C-alpha atoms as a PDB file:
ATOM      1  CA  UNK A   1     106.244 138.140  60.250  1.00  0.00           C
ATOM      2  CA  UNK A   2     105.450 134.663  61.654  1.00  0.00           C
ATOM      3  CA  UNK A   3     101.766 133.732  61.604  1.00  0.00           C
ATOM      4  CA  UNK A   4     101.901 132.354  65.157  1.00  0.00           C
ATOM      5  CA  UNK A   5     101.540 135.582  67.103  1.00  0.00           C
ATOM      6  CA  UNK A   6      98.071 135.984  68.514  1.00  0.00           C
ATOM      7  CA  UNK A   7      96.228 139.259  69.044  1.00  0.00           C
ATOM      8  CA  UNK A   8      97.330 141.078  72.212  1.00  0.00           C
ATOM      9  CA  UNK A   9      95.024 140.913  75.188  1.00  0.00           C
ATOM     10  CA  UNK A  10      93.605 144.260  76.360  1.00  0.00           C
ATOM     11  CA  UNK A  11      94.499 143.277  79.927  1.00  0.00           C
ATOM     12  CA  UNK A  12      98.147 142.478  79.226  1.00  0.00           C
ATOM     13  CA  UNK A  13     100.753 143.977  81.545  1.00  0.00           C
ATOM     14  CA  UNK A  14     102.877 146.879  80.365  1.00  0.00           C
ATOM     15  CA  UNK A  15     106.639 147.242  80.573  1.00  0.00           C
ATOM     16  CA  UNK A  16     107.363 148.789  83.959  1.00  0.00           C
ATOM     17  CA  UNK A  17     104.133 147.505  85.511  1.00  0.00           C
ATOM     18  CA  UNK A  18     104.371 143.716  85.482  1.00  0.00           C
ATOM     19  CA  UNK A  19     105.354 141.013  87.924  1.00  0.00           C
ATOM     20  CA  UNK A  20     108.773 140.780  86.254  1.00  0.00           C
ATOM     21  CA  UNK A  21     109.380 144.499  86.804  1.00  0.00           C
ATOM     22  CA  UNK A  22     108.245 144.382  90.419  1.00  0.00           C
ATOM     23  CA  UNK A  23     110.301 141.287  91.220  1.00  0.00           C
ATOM     24  CA  UNK A  24     113.493 142.634  89.625  1.00  0.00           C
ATOM     25  CA  UNK A  25     113.171 146.130  91.129  1.00  0.00           C
ATOM     26  CA  UNK A  26     116.095 147.125  93.334  1.00  0.00           C
ATOM     27  CA  UNK A  27     116.061 149.800  96.040  1.00  0.00           C
ATOM     28  CA  UNK A  28     119.093 152.075  96.158  1.00  0.00           C
ATOM     29  CA  UNK A  29     120.406 152.218  99.710  1.00  0.00           C
ATOM     30  CA  UNK A  30     123.350 154.419  98.767  1.00  0.00           C
ATOM     31  CA  UNK A  31     125.346 154.939  95.554  1.00  0.00           C
ATOM     32  CA  UNK A  32     126.426 151.515  94.291  1.00  0.00           C
ATOM     33  CA  UNK A  33     124.473 149.540  96.932  1.00  0.00           C
ATOM     34  CA  UNK A  34     120.996 148.130  96.297  1.00  0.00           C
ATOM     35  CA  UNK A  35     118.587 145.999  98.305  1.00  0.00           C
ATOM     36  CA  UNK A  36     116.184 143.433  96.887  1.00  0.00           C
ATOM     37  CA  UNK A  37     114.026 140.600  98.148  1.00  0.00           C
ATOM     38  CA  UNK A  38     114.509 137.768  95.656  1.00  0.00           C
ATOM     39  CA  UNK A  39     111.094 136.351  94.819  1.00  0.00           C
ATOM     40  CA  UNK A  40     110.319 132.659  95.285  1.00  0.00           C
ATOM     41  CA  UNK A  41     108.221 132.930  92.123  1.00  0.00           C
ATOM     42  CA  UNK A  42     111.315 132.603  89.900  1.00  0.00           C
ATOM     43  CA  UNK A  43     112.749 129.416  91.384  1.00  0.00           C
ATOM     44  CA  UNK A  44     113.551 125.977  89.999  1.00  0.00           C
ATOM     45  CA  UNK A  45     113.095 123.608  92.948  1.00  0.00           C
ATOM     46  CA  UNK A  46     114.567 125.866  95.678  1.00  0.00           C
ATOM     47  CA  UNK A  47     117.197 127.764  93.643  1.00  0.00           C
ATOM     48  CA  UNK A  48     116.541 131.126  92.002  1.00  0.00           C
ATOM     49  CA  UNK A  49     116.712 131.031  88.201  1.00  0.00           C
ATOM     50  CA  UNK A  50     119.953 132.385  86.729  1.00  0.00           C
ATOM     51  CA  UNK A  51     118.243 134.486  84.052  1.00  0.00           C
ATOM     52  CA  UNK A  52     116.077 136.208  86.656  1.00  0.00           C
ATOM     53  CA  UNK A  53     119.200 136.948  88.718  1.00  0.00           C
ATOM     54  CA  UNK A  54     120.914 138.373  85.645  1.00  0.00           C
ATOM     55  CA  UNK A  55     117.951 140.704  85.109  1.00  0.00           C
ATOM     56  CA  UNK A  56     118.163 141.860  88.749  1.00  0.00           C
ATOM     57  CA  UNK A  57     121.840 142.735  88.434  1.00  0.00           C
ATOM     58  CA  UNK A  58     121.192 144.190  84.999  1.00  0.00           C
ATOM     59  CA  UNK A  59     118.636 146.571  86.469  1.00  0.00           C
ATOM     60  CA  UNK A  60     121.075 147.697  89.187  1.00  0.00           C
ATOM     61  CA  UNK A  61     123.783 148.325  86.571  1.00  0.00           C
ATOM     62  CA  UNK A  62     121.351 150.314  84.427  1.00  0.00           C
ATOM     63  CA  UNK A  63     120.850 152.603  87.430  1.00  0.00           C
ATOM     64  CA  UNK A  64     124.592 152.857  88.053  1.00  0.00           C
ATOM     65  CA  UNK A  65     125.890 153.435  84.526  1.00  0.00           C
ATOM     66  CA  UNK A  66     125.165 156.408  82.230  1.00  0.00           C
ATOM     67  CA  UNK A  67     123.926 154.184  79.364  1.00  0.00           C
ATOM     68  CA  UNK A  68     120.518 152.464  79.538  1.00  0.00           C
ATOM     69  CA  UNK A  69     120.841 149.115  77.749  1.00  0.00           C
ATOM     70  CA  UNK A  70     122.907 145.970  78.347  1.00  0.00           C
ATOM     71  CA  UNK A  71     125.047 145.135  75.310  1.00  0.00           C
ATOM     72  CA  UNK A  72     127.278 142.384  76.712  1.00  0.00           C
ATOM     73  CA  UNK A  73     126.829 140.744  80.117  1.00  0.00           C
ATOM     74  CA  UNK A  74     129.050 137.992  81.523  1.00  0.00           C
ATOM     75  CA  UNK A  75     128.050 136.313  84.785  1.00  0.00           C
ATOM     76  CA  UNK A  76     129.796 133.746  86.950  1.00  0.00           C
ATOM     77  CA  UNK A  77     127.450 131.848  89.264  1.00  0.00           C
ATOM     78  CA  UNK A  78     129.421 131.161  92.426  1.00  0.00           C
ATOM     79  CA  UNK A  79     126.798 129.655  94.754  1.00  0.00           C
ATOM     80  CA  UNK A  80     123.079 128.936  94.415  1.00  0.00           C
ATOM     81  CA  UNK A  81     120.850 131.896  95.296  1.00  0.00           C
ATOM     82  CA  UNK A  82     117.795 131.436  97.505  1.00  0.00           C
ATOM     83  CA  UNK A  83     114.589 133.443  97.774  1.00  0.00           C
ATOM     84  CA  UNK A  84     114.806 136.233 100.324  1.00  0.00           C
ATOM     85  CA  UNK A  85     116.843 139.367 101.080  1.00  0.00           C
ATOM     86  CA  UNK A  86     119.931 140.124  99.014  1.00  0.00           C
ATOM     87  CA  UNK A  87     122.319 143.018  98.457  1.00  0.00           C
ATOM     88  CA  UNK A  88     123.688 144.085  95.066  1.00  0.00           C
ATOM     89  CA  UNK A  89     126.914 146.086  94.959  1.00  0.00           C
ATOM     90  CA  UNK A  90     127.899 147.800  91.720  1.00  0.00           C
ATOM     91  CA  UNK A  91     131.013 149.602  90.518  1.00  0.00           C
ATOM     92  CA  UNK A  92     131.633 151.716  87.436  1.00  0.00           C
ATOM     93  CA  UNK A  93     134.742 150.427  85.677  1.00  0.00           C
ATOM     94  CA  UNK A  94     134.831 152.813  82.721  1.00  0.00           C
ATOM     95  CA  UNK A  95     132.606 155.318  80.988  1.00  0.00           C
ATOM     96  CA  UNK A  96     132.876 156.350  77.352  1.00  0.00           C
ATOM     97  CA  UNK A  97     130.824 158.150  74.742  1.00  0.00           C
ATOM     98  CA  UNK A  98     129.063 155.067  73.341  1.00  0.00           C
ATOM     99  CA  UNK A  99     129.757 152.369  75.929  1.00  0.00           C
ATOM    100  CA  UNK A 100     130.164 152.177  79.677  1.00  0.00           C
ATOM    101  CA  UNK A 101     131.378 149.177  81.659  1.00  0.00           C
ATOM    102  CA  UNK A 102     130.494 148.154  85.173  1.00  0.00           C
ATOM    103  CA  UNK A 103     130.597 145.210  87.510  1.00  0.00           C
ATOM    104  CA  UNK A 104     128.072 143.956  90.035  1.00  0.00           C
ATOM    105  CA  UNK A 105     127.846 141.233  92.660  1.00  0.00           C
ATOM    106  CA  UNK A 106     124.877 139.846  94.560  1.00  0.00           C
ATOM    107  CA  UNK A 107     125.306 138.797  98.198  1.00  0.00           C
ATOM    108  CA  UNK A 108     123.185 136.868 100.684  1.00  0.00           C
ATOM    109  CA  UNK A 109     123.752 135.525 104.187  1.00  0.00           C
ATOM    110  CA  UNK A 110     124.188 131.810 104.877  1.00  0.00           C
ATOM    111  CA  UNK A 111     122.680 129.926 107.816  1.00  0.00           C
ATOM    112  CA  UNK A 112     125.605 130.971 110.038  1.00  0.00           C
ATOM    113  CA  UNK A 113     125.154 134.654 109.255  1.00  0.00           C
ATOM    114  CA  UNK A 114     128.173 134.914 106.941  1.00  0.00           C
ATOM    115  CA  UNK A 115     127.891 137.058 103.811  1.00  0.00           C
ATOM    116  CA  UNK A 116     128.202 134.912 100.676  1.00  0.00           C
ATOM    117  CA  UNK A 117     128.701 136.150  97.131  1.00  0.00           C
ATOM    118  CA  UNK A 118     126.214 134.380  94.844  1.00  0.00           C
ATOM    119  CA  UNK A 119     126.912 135.851  91.405  1.00  0.00           C
ATOM    120  CA  UNK A 120     129.428 138.260  89.873  1.00  0.00           C
ATOM    121  CA  UNK A 121     128.819 140.165  86.635  1.00  0.00           C
ATOM    122  CA  UNK A 122     130.919 142.278  84.276  1.00  0.00           C
ATOM    123  CA  UNK A 123     128.869 144.166  81.686  1.00  0.00           C
ATOM    124  CA  UNK A 124     129.065 146.778  78.957  1.00  0.00           C
ATOM    125  CA  UNK A 125     126.084 149.102  78.429  1.00  0.00           C
ATOM    126  CA  UNK A 126     125.125 151.381  75.559  1.00  0.00           C
ATOM    127  CA  UNK A 127     122.021 152.789  73.879  1.00  0.00           C
ATOM    128  CA  UNK A 128     120.324 150.356  71.480  1.00  0.00           C
ATOM    129  CA  UNK A 129     118.305 153.200  69.950  1.00  0.00           C
ATOM    130  CA  UNK A 130     121.481 154.753  68.513  1.00  0.00           C
ATOM    131  CA  UNK A 131     122.692 151.677  66.614  1.00  0.00           C
ATOM    132  CA  UNK A 132     122.692 151.758  62.786  1.00  0.00           C
ATOM    133  CA  UNK A 133     120.166 149.632  60.892  1.00  0.00           C
ATOM    134  CA  UNK A 134     122.800 147.904  58.717  1.00  0.00           C
ATOM    135  CA  UNK A 135     122.543 144.113  59.247  1.00  0.00           C
ATOM    136  CA  UNK A 136     124.725 141.566  57.414  1.00  0.00           C
ATOM    137  CA  UNK A 137     124.193 138.049  58.672  1.00  0.00           C
ATOM    138  CA  UNK A 138     123.929 134.406  57.696  1.00  0.00           C
ATOM    139  CA  UNK A 139     121.770 133.653  60.745  1.00  0.00           C
ATOM    140  CA  UNK A 140     118.158 132.653  60.096  1.00  0.00           C
ATOM    141  CA  UNK A 141     115.181 132.325  62.464  1.00  0.00           C
ATOM    142  CA  UNK A 142     114.561 128.791  63.769  1.00  0.00           C
ATOM    143  CA  UNK A 143     112.060 126.710  61.820  1.00  0.00           C
ATOM    144  CA  UNK A 144     109.245 126.142  64.320  1.00  0.00           C
ATOM    145  CA  UNK A 145     105.543 125.278  64.138  1.00  0.00           C
ATOM    146  CA  UNK A 146     103.063 128.080  64.901  1.00  0.00           C
ATOM    147  CA  UNK A 147     102.565 128.812  68.585  1.00  0.00           C
ATOM    148  CA  UNK A 148      99.177 127.072  68.732  1.00  0.00           C
ATOM    149  CA  UNK A 149     100.803 123.835  67.523  1.00  0.00           C
ATOM    150  CA  UNK A 150     103.439 123.854  70.269  1.00  0.00           C
ATOM    151  CA  UNK A 151     103.152 122.563  73.838  1.00  0.00           C
ATOM    152  CA  UNK A 152     104.016 123.506  77.354  1.00  0.00           C
ATOM    153  CA  UNK A 153     105.322 120.503  79.306  1.00  0.00           C
ATOM    154  CA  UNK A 154     102.061 120.482  81.277  1.00  0.00           C
ATOM    155  CA  UNK A 155     100.122 120.378  77.991  1.00  0.00           C
ATOM    156  CA  UNK A 156     102.092 117.330  76.924  1.00  0.00           C
ATOM    157  CA  UNK A 157     101.526 115.557  80.211  1.00  0.00           C
ATOM    158  CA  UNK A 158      97.765 116.104  79.990  1.00  0.00           C
ATOM    159  CA  UNK A 159      97.378 115.285  76.287  1.00  0.00           C
ATOM    160  CA  UNK A 160      95.782 111.843  76.011  1.00  0.00           C
ATOM    161  CA  UNK A 161      97.443 111.304  72.636  1.00  0.00           C
ATOM    162  CA  UNK A 162     100.893 111.428  74.203  1.00  0.00           C
ATOM    163  CA  UNK A 163     102.326 109.124  76.938  1.00  0.00           C
ATOM    164  CA  UNK A 164     103.823 111.262  79.700  1.00  0.00           C
ATOM    165  CA  UNK A 165     107.315 110.375  80.858  1.00  0.00           C
ATOM    166  CA  UNK A 166     107.347 112.715  83.863  1.00  0.00           C
ATOM    167  CA  UNK A 167     109.740 115.533  84.628  1.00  0.00           C
ATOM    168  CA  UNK A 168     113.532 114.994  84.621  1.00  0.00           C
ATOM    169  CA  UNK A 169     113.750 117.202  87.736  1.00  0.00           C
ATOM    170  CA  UNK A 170     112.118 116.263  91.028  1.00  0.00           C
ATOM    171  CA  UNK A 171     110.271 119.078  92.741  1.00  0.00           C
ATOM    172  CA  UNK A 172     108.275 122.076  91.570  1.00  0.00           C
ATOM    173  CA  UNK A 173     109.423 124.946  89.337  1.00  0.00           C
ATOM    174  CA  UNK A 174     107.536 128.084  90.326  1.00  0.00           C
ATOM    175  CA  UNK A 175     109.034 129.998  87.418  1.00  0.00           C
ATOM    176  CA  UNK A 176     106.867 127.996  84.985  1.00  0.00           C
ATOM    177  CA  UNK A 177     103.765 129.841  86.228  1.00  0.00           C
ATOM    178  CA  UNK A 178     105.301 133.177  85.243  1.00  0.00           C
ATOM    179  CA  UNK A 179     106.230 132.255  81.691  1.00  0.00           C
ATOM    180  CA  UNK A 180     104.388 131.691  78.446  1.00  0.00           C
ATOM    181  CA  UNK A 181     106.528 128.835  77.169  1.00  0.00           C
ATOM    182  CA  UNK A 182     105.404 126.687  74.240  1.00  0.00           C
ATOM    183  CA  UNK A 183     107.923 124.055  73.170  1.00  0.00           C
ATOM    184  CA  UNK A 184     108.527 122.876  69.633  1.00  0.00           C
ATOM    185  CA  UNK A 185     107.183 119.272  69.604  1.00  0.00           C
ATOM    186  CA  UNK A 186     110.436 118.171  67.935  1.00  0.00           C
ATOM    187  CA  UNK A 187     112.288 119.051  71.163  1.00  0.00           C
ATOM    188  CA  UNK A 188     109.657 117.781  73.589  1.00  0.00           C
ATOM    189  CA  UNK A 189     110.656 114.117  73.683  1.00  0.00           C
ATOM    190  CA  UNK A 190     112.085 114.415  77.207  1.00  0.00           C
ATOM    191  CA  UNK A 191     108.618 115.291  78.577  1.00  0.00           C
ATOM    192  CA  UNK A 192     107.165 112.185  76.950  1.00  0.00           C
ATOM    193  CA  UNK A 193     109.787 109.720  78.165  1.00  0.00           C
ATOM    194  CA  UNK A 194     111.452 109.564  74.746  1.00  0.00           C
ATOM    195  CA  UNK A 195     114.313 112.113  74.488  1.00  0.00           C
ATOM    196  CA  UNK A 196     115.645 112.569  70.957  1.00  0.00           C
ATOM    197  CA  UNK A 197     119.317 112.358  71.904  1.00  0.00           C
ATOM    198  CA  UNK A 198     119.935 115.693  70.157  1.00  0.00           C
ATOM    199  CA  UNK A 199     121.064 118.678  72.190  1.00  0.00           C
ATOM    200  CA  UNK A 200     118.302 120.999  70.987  1.00  0.00           C
ATOM    201  CA  UNK A 201     115.529 122.992  72.635  1.00  0.00           C
ATOM    202  CA  UNK A 202     113.207 125.456  70.897  1.00  0.00           C
ATOM    203  CA  UNK A 203     110.199 127.372  72.176  1.00  0.00           C
ATOM    204  CA  UNK A 204     107.958 130.365  71.828  1.00  0.00           C
ATOM    205  CA  UNK A 205     108.646 132.563  74.851  1.00  0.00           C
ATOM    206  CA  UNK A 206     106.899 135.362  76.679  1.00  0.00           C
ATOM    207  CA  UNK A 207     105.858 136.432  80.151  1.00  0.00           C
ATOM    208  CA  UNK A 208     102.599 134.948  81.435  1.00  0.00           C
ATOM    209  CA  UNK A 209     101.046 138.368  82.110  1.00  0.00           C
ATOM    210  CA  UNK A 210     101.550 139.395  78.477  1.00  0.00           C
ATOM    211  CA  UNK A 211     104.267 141.997  79.088  1.00  0.00           C
ATOM    212  CA  UNK A 212     106.271 142.578  75.918  1.00  0.00           C
ATOM    213  CA  UNK A 213     109.987 141.890  75.898  1.00  0.00           C
ATOM    214  CA  UNK A 214     112.648 144.528  76.480  1.00  0.00           C
ATOM    215  CA  UNK A 215     116.454 144.277  76.794  1.00  0.00           C
ATOM    216  CA  UNK A 216     116.289 143.294  80.484  1.00  0.00           C
ATOM    217  CA  UNK A 217     113.772 140.497  79.927  1.00  0.00           C
ATOM    218  CA  UNK A 218     116.022 139.138  77.156  1.00  0.00           C
ATOM    219  CA  UNK A 219     118.496 138.326  79.949  1.00  0.00           C
ATOM    220  CA  UNK A 220     115.788 136.050  81.352  1.00  0.00           C
ATOM    221  CA  UNK A 221     114.761 134.584  77.997  1.00  0.00           C
ATOM    222  CA  UNK A 222     118.157 133.032  77.241  1.00  0.00           C
ATOM    223  CA  UNK A 223     118.017 130.966  80.455  1.00  0.00           C
ATOM    224  CA  UNK A 224     114.309 130.122  80.757  1.00  0.00           C
ATOM    225  CA  UNK A 225     113.869 127.025  78.574  1.00  0.00           C
ATOM    226  CA  UNK A 226     114.309 123.466  79.841  1.00  0.00           C
ATOM    227  CA  UNK A 227     117.975 122.437  79.569  1.00  0.00           C
ATOM    228  CA  UNK A 228     119.156 120.759  76.372  1.00  0.00           C
ATOM    229  CA  UNK A 229     120.490 118.017  78.669  1.00  0.00           C
ATOM    230  CA  UNK A 230     116.919 116.711  78.976  1.00  0.00           C
ATOM    231  CA  UNK A 231     116.822 115.943  75.241  1.00  0.00           C
ATOM    232  CA  UNK A 232     120.192 114.209  75.669  1.00  0.00           C
ATOM    233  CA  UNK A 233     118.472 111.819  78.067  1.00  0.00           C
ATOM    234  CA  UNK A 234     119.938 113.270  81.271  1.00  0.00           C
ATOM    235  CA  UNK A 235     118.012 114.091  84.426  1.00  0.00           C
ATOM    236  CA  UNK A 236     118.408 116.412  87.388  1.00  0.00           C
ATOM    237  CA  UNK A 237     119.286 120.038  87.937  1.00  0.00           C
ATOM    238  CA  UNK A 238     121.662 121.622  85.383  1.00  0.00           C
ATOM    239  CA  UNK A 239     123.297 124.564  87.212  1.00  0.00           C
ATOM    240  CA  UNK A 240     124.899 127.368  85.227  1.00  0.00           C
ATOM    241  CA  UNK A 241     128.595 127.995  85.823  1.00  0.00           C
ATOM    242  CA  UNK A 242     129.080 130.935  83.442  1.00  0.00           C
ATOM    243  CA  UNK A 243     126.690 132.800  81.143  1.00  0.00           C
ATOM    244  CA  UNK A 244     127.461 135.495  78.555  1.00  0.00           C
ATOM    245  CA  UNK A 245     124.633 137.357  76.819  1.00  0.00           C
ATOM    246  CA  UNK A 246     124.840 139.742  73.857  1.00  0.00           C
ATOM    247  CA  UNK A 247     121.800 141.974  73.357  1.00  0.00           C
ATOM    248  CA  UNK A 248     121.652 143.013  69.677  1.00  0.00           C
ATOM    249  CA  UNK A 249     118.392 144.895  69.242  1.00  0.00           C
ATOM    250  CA  UNK A 250     115.404 146.170  71.183  1.00  0.00           C
ATOM    251  CA  UNK A 251     112.711 143.521  70.518  1.00  0.00           C
ATOM    252  CA  UNK A 252     109.475 144.219  68.677  1.00  0.00           C
ATOM    253  CA  UNK A 253     106.181 143.499  70.500  1.00  0.00           C
ATOM    254  CA  UNK A 254     104.959 139.917  70.402  1.00  0.00           C
ATOM    255  CA  UNK A 255     106.244 136.484  71.388  1.00  0.00           C
ATOM    256  CA  UNK A 256     109.915 135.584  71.018  1.00  0.00           C
ATOM    257  CA  UNK A 257     111.392 132.457  69.505  1.00  0.00           C
ATOM    258  CA  UNK A 258     114.272 130.935  71.461  1.00  0.00           C
ATOM    259  CA  UNK A 259     116.541 128.262  70.013  1.00  0.00           C
ATOM    260  CA  UNK A 260     119.208 126.531  72.121  1.00  0.00           C
ATOM    261  CA  UNK A 261     121.769 123.972  70.958  1.00  0.00           C
ATOM    262  CA  UNK A 262     124.472 121.899  72.602  1.00  0.00           C
ATOM    263  CA  UNK A 263     127.249 120.402  70.468  1.00  0.00           C
ATOM    264  CA  UNK A 264     129.571 119.073  73.141  1.00  0.00           C
ATOM    265  CA  UNK A 265     129.115 117.383  76.517  1.00  0.00           C
ATOM    266  CA  UNK A 266     132.371 116.300  78.110  1.00  0.00           C
ATOM    267  CA  UNK A 267     133.581 115.729  81.647  1.00  0.00           C
ATOM    268  CA  UNK A 268     130.188 116.540  83.105  1.00  0.00           C
ATOM    269  CA  UNK A 269     129.951 119.989  81.496  1.00  0.00           C
ATOM    270  CA  UNK A 270     128.106 121.187  78.404  1.00  0.00           C
ATOM    271  CA  UNK A 271     127.686 124.446  76.525  1.00  0.00           C
ATOM    272  CA  UNK A 272     124.334 125.919  75.532  1.00  0.00           C
ATOM    273  CA  UNK A 273     124.247 128.382  72.631  1.00  0.00           C
ATOM    274  CA  UNK A 274     121.025 130.395  72.484  1.00  0.00           C
ATOM    275  CA  UNK A 275     119.496 132.685  69.867  1.00  0.00           C
ATOM    276  CA  UNK A 276     116.452 134.866  70.545  1.00  0.00           C
ATOM    277  CA  UNK A 277     114.369 136.141  67.620  1.00  0.00           C
ATOM    278  CA  UNK A 278     111.560 138.682  67.793  1.00  0.00           C
ATOM    279  CA  UNK A 279     108.270 138.911  65.899  1.00  0.00           C
ATOM    280  CA  UNK A 280     109.959 140.987  63.170  1.00  0.00           C
ATOM    281  CA  UNK A 281     112.415 138.138  62.433  1.00  0.00           C
ATOM    282  CA  UNK A 282     115.324 140.002  64.014  1.00  0.00           C
ATOM    283  CA  UNK A 283     118.034 138.323  66.057  1.00  0.00           C
ATOM    284  CA  UNK A 284     117.703 140.334  69.274  1.00  0.00           C
ATOM    285  CA  UNK A 285     119.934 138.362  71.652  1.00  0.00           C
ATOM    286  CA  UNK A 286     122.553 135.625  71.679  1.00  0.00           C
ATOM    287  CA  UNK A 287     124.161 133.781  74.558  1.00  0.00           C
ATOM    288  CA  UNK A 288     126.522 130.989  75.501  1.00  0.00           C
ATOM    289  CA  UNK A 289     126.625 129.318  78.873  1.00  0.00           C
ATOM    290  CA  UNK A 290     128.662 126.586  80.506  1.00  0.00           C
ATOM    291  CA  UNK A 291     126.564 124.279  82.674  1.00  0.00           C
ATOM    292  CA  UNK A 292     127.205 121.265  84.841  1.00  0.00           C
ATOM    293  CA  UNK A 293     125.277 118.011  84.445  1.00  0.00           C
ATOM    294  CA  UNK A 294     124.859 114.934  86.577  1.00  0.00           C
ATOM    295  CA  UNK A 295     126.016 111.797  84.778  1.00  0.00           C
ATOM    296  CA  UNK A 296     125.055 108.223  85.598  1.00  0.00           C
END
């Protein structure tokens, strides 16, 4: 057990009764059709965060399919989503004894009143509680300083010991106010005007209201850290093209550790491989995404 986890606050939000739960809740209009008002609180500049969107569609699929937990979720981000009304349409593709598969799409209207598909997902669901305990792995938790020795980007900017280099993205990110995100100082060079040149990002992660993680919030966790492109010395928005998440275990209470690496940037696209570890040193989620970067 890492020594970084602090004692839980008595006022912390509970699963099912937090801002994340309220903002990802969908209202069933009819079987397979759900309404939601996408919250502006989960935006980066004016676009809705891809992990938050994945959690929204994940919640709709959990209502549609007979199994409760996402096992594998693959999303293609077709156009940028904006805060405001949206419709999620789901379809059951196959149901089995241990796994069920479904697809979901989120739609909004453009300025001309035309319906536009924003994101399309194909996912397999099961029951994490029924999985055997046998684990055989060479994966190890990321080596990170304790939480109290890590920084949010705002902490770094206000620390008089450290020269601030400003943000690589112009505009505000409302999502930052909803996260407990403490970055490993070794991957914080971008916030200080001195990126390391390595495609790495590591952080302690949680929700700002103290809500513990569950399988749906893991879909947010894999896409909530600053992009590895910042540590490569690149600036600007890094939109996700495709994101696949594997949920491996229901997380234990306490903060998560998220480690993201990029090995290859070519032709204006890079991959980000993420691992999410819980307070019991278990690998609870993995993901890979393809993202686009602005060069020059």
